[in-house]
């Protein structure tokens, strides 16, 4: 999939509305429309990267930025003390449904394994 057809790229371009909670030059965070926890926020890269498999040394620092933003969002949404889950799915068998790298920040209830 290219960035023109990607739903997350359309969100970053403002073509599709989202409840954005944070935005930087490189990242955007918004509430997941398929929420599975009281707090369920997606952190995405603004630049289209399909999955973890497509990371390079040039863009690998984005993962650290995504995790730190996830930590900040957990604090802002009052789930850092009770605990939260950070999930990044890769590929079809890994549960990735949107092929644009993204980090799920989930909490506000007891999380189980497997996720759901």
Protein backbone atom coordinates (compact mmCIF):
# COMPACT_ATOMS: atom_id res chain seq x y z
CA UNK A 1 0.00 0.00 0.00
CA UNK A 2 1.28 3.45 -0.78
CA UNK A 3 0.85 6.57 1.30
CA UNK A 4 -1.93 7.90 -0.96
CA UNK A 5 -4.22 4.98 -0.05
CA UNK A 6 -3.14 4.59 3.60
CA UNK A 7 -5.83 5.54 6.14
CA UNK A 8 -3.25 6.81 8.65
CA UNK A 9 -1.55 8.96 5.99
CA UNK A 10 -4.98 10.39 5.15
CA UNK A 11 -5.43 11.23 8.85
CA UNK A 12 -2.05 13.00 8.98
CA UNK A 13 -3.00 15.00 5.87
CA UNK A 14 -6.36 15.98 7.42
CA UNK A 15 -8.40 14.09 4.82
CA UNK A 16 -9.99 11.86 7.47
CA UNK A 17 -10.98 13.25 10.88
CA UNK A 18 -9.50 11.85 14.08
CA UNK A 19 -9.58 12.82 17.74
CA UNK A 20 -5.95 13.96 17.87
CA UNK A 21 -4.43 14.18 21.35
CA UNK A 22 -0.84 15.03 20.46
CA UNK A 23 1.15 16.05 17.42
CA UNK A 24 4.82 16.73 16.72
CA UNK A 25 6.78 17.25 13.52
CA UNK A 26 7.27 13.47 13.20
CA UNK A 27 4.41 11.84 15.14
CA UNK A 28 0.67 12.05 15.64
CA UNK A 29 -1.43 10.45 18.39
CA UNK A 30 -5.19 9.97 18.31
CA UNK A 31 -7.88 7.78 19.85
CA UNK A 32 -8.40 4.40 18.18
CA UNK A 33 -11.89 4.09 16.66
CA UNK A 34 -11.82 0.36 17.51
CA UNK A 35 -11.18 0.94 21.19
CA UNK A 36 -10.53 -2.19 23.30
CA UNK A 37 -9.70 -0.37 26.55
CA UNK A 38 -11.02 2.78 28.25
CA UNK A 39 -7.85 4.53 27.04
CA UNK A 40 -6.75 3.34 23.59
CA UNK A 41 -4.57 5.77 21.68
CA UNK A 42 -2.58 5.17 18.52
CA UNK A 43 0.80 6.80 18.01
CA UNK A 44 1.80 6.91 14.34
CA UNK A 45 4.66 8.24 12.30
CA UNK A 46 3.73 11.07 9.95
CA UNK A 47 6.05 9.62 7.35
CA UNK A 48 4.66 6.40 5.88
CA UNK A 49 6.58 3.38 7.16
CA UNK A 50 4.73 0.14 6.52
CA UNK A 51 5.91 -1.87 9.53
CA UNK A 52 8.80 -2.61 11.88
CA UNK A 53 10.23 -4.69 9.03
CA UNK A 54 10.73 -1.47 7.06
CA UNK A 55 12.70 0.41 9.71
CA UNK A 56 16.19 1.56 8.82
CA UNK A 57 18.98 3.13 10.84
CA UNK A 58 17.84 6.50 9.49
CA UNK A 59 14.32 6.23 10.95
CA UNK A 60 14.81 3.79 13.86
CA UNK A 61 14.92 6.65 16.40
CA UNK A 62 11.20 7.17 15.71
CA UNK A 63 10.47 4.03 17.75
CA UNK A 64 12.06 5.59 20.83
CA UNK A 65 10.09 8.77 20.24
CA UNK A 66 6.88 6.72 19.90
CA UNK A 67 7.51 4.88 23.18
CA UNK A 68 8.32 8.09 25.05
CA UNK A 69 5.16 9.70 23.68
CA UNK A 70 3.22 6.60 24.77
CA UNK A 71 4.60 7.05 28.29
CA UNK A 72 3.64 10.74 28.26
CA UNK A 73 0.11 9.95 27.03
CA UNK A 74 -0.30 7.31 29.75
CA UNK A 75 0.54 9.97 32.32
CA UNK A 76 -1.76 12.55 30.72
CA UNK A 77 -4.64 10.04 30.67
CA UNK A 78 -3.99 8.93 34.27
CA UNK A 79 -3.10 5.31 33.57
CA UNK A 80 0.64 5.38 34.32
CA UNK A 81 0.20 4.36 37.99
CA UNK A 82 -2.25 1.51 37.41
CA UNK A 83 -0.34 0.30 34.35
CA UNK A 84 -0.71 0.33 30.61
CA UNK A 85 0.19 -1.70 27.57
CA UNK A 86 2.26 -0.61 24.58
CA UNK A 87 1.74 -2.84 21.52
CA UNK A 88 3.22 -2.71 18.05
CA UNK A 89 1.93 -5.40 15.70
CA UNK A 90 3.97 -6.40 12.66
CA UNK A 91 2.59 -8.20 9.62
CA UNK A 92 -0.65 -10.07 9.07
CA UNK A 93 0.14 -12.94 11.47
CA UNK A 94 1.37 -10.42 14.05
CA UNK A 95 -2.07 -8.80 14.06
CA UNK A 96 -1.24 -5.71 12.00
CA UNK A 97 -4.43 -4.54 10.27
CA UNK A 98 -3.28 -1.10 9.09
CA UNK A 99 0.00 -1.30 7.25
CA UNK A 100 1.49 1.92 8.59
CA UNK A 101 3.70 1.57 11.66
CA UNK A 102 1.80 2.44 14.84
CA UNK A 103 1.96 1.96 18.58
CA UNK A 104 -1.13 1.15 20.65
CA UNK A 105 -1.24 2.77 24.10
CA UNK A 106 -3.91 0.96 26.13
CA UNK A 107 -5.02 1.07 29.74
CA UNK A 108 -7.72 1.95 32.20
CA UNK A 109 -8.62 -1.68 32.93
CA UNK A 110 -6.87 -4.94 33.73
CA UNK A 111 -5.24 -6.00 30.48
CA UNK A 112 -5.28 -9.71 29.66
CA UNK A 113 -3.19 -11.95 27.48
CA UNK A 114 -3.83 -12.57 24.71
CA UNK A 115 -4.92 -8.96 24.09
CA UNK A 116 -8.58 -8.22 23.66
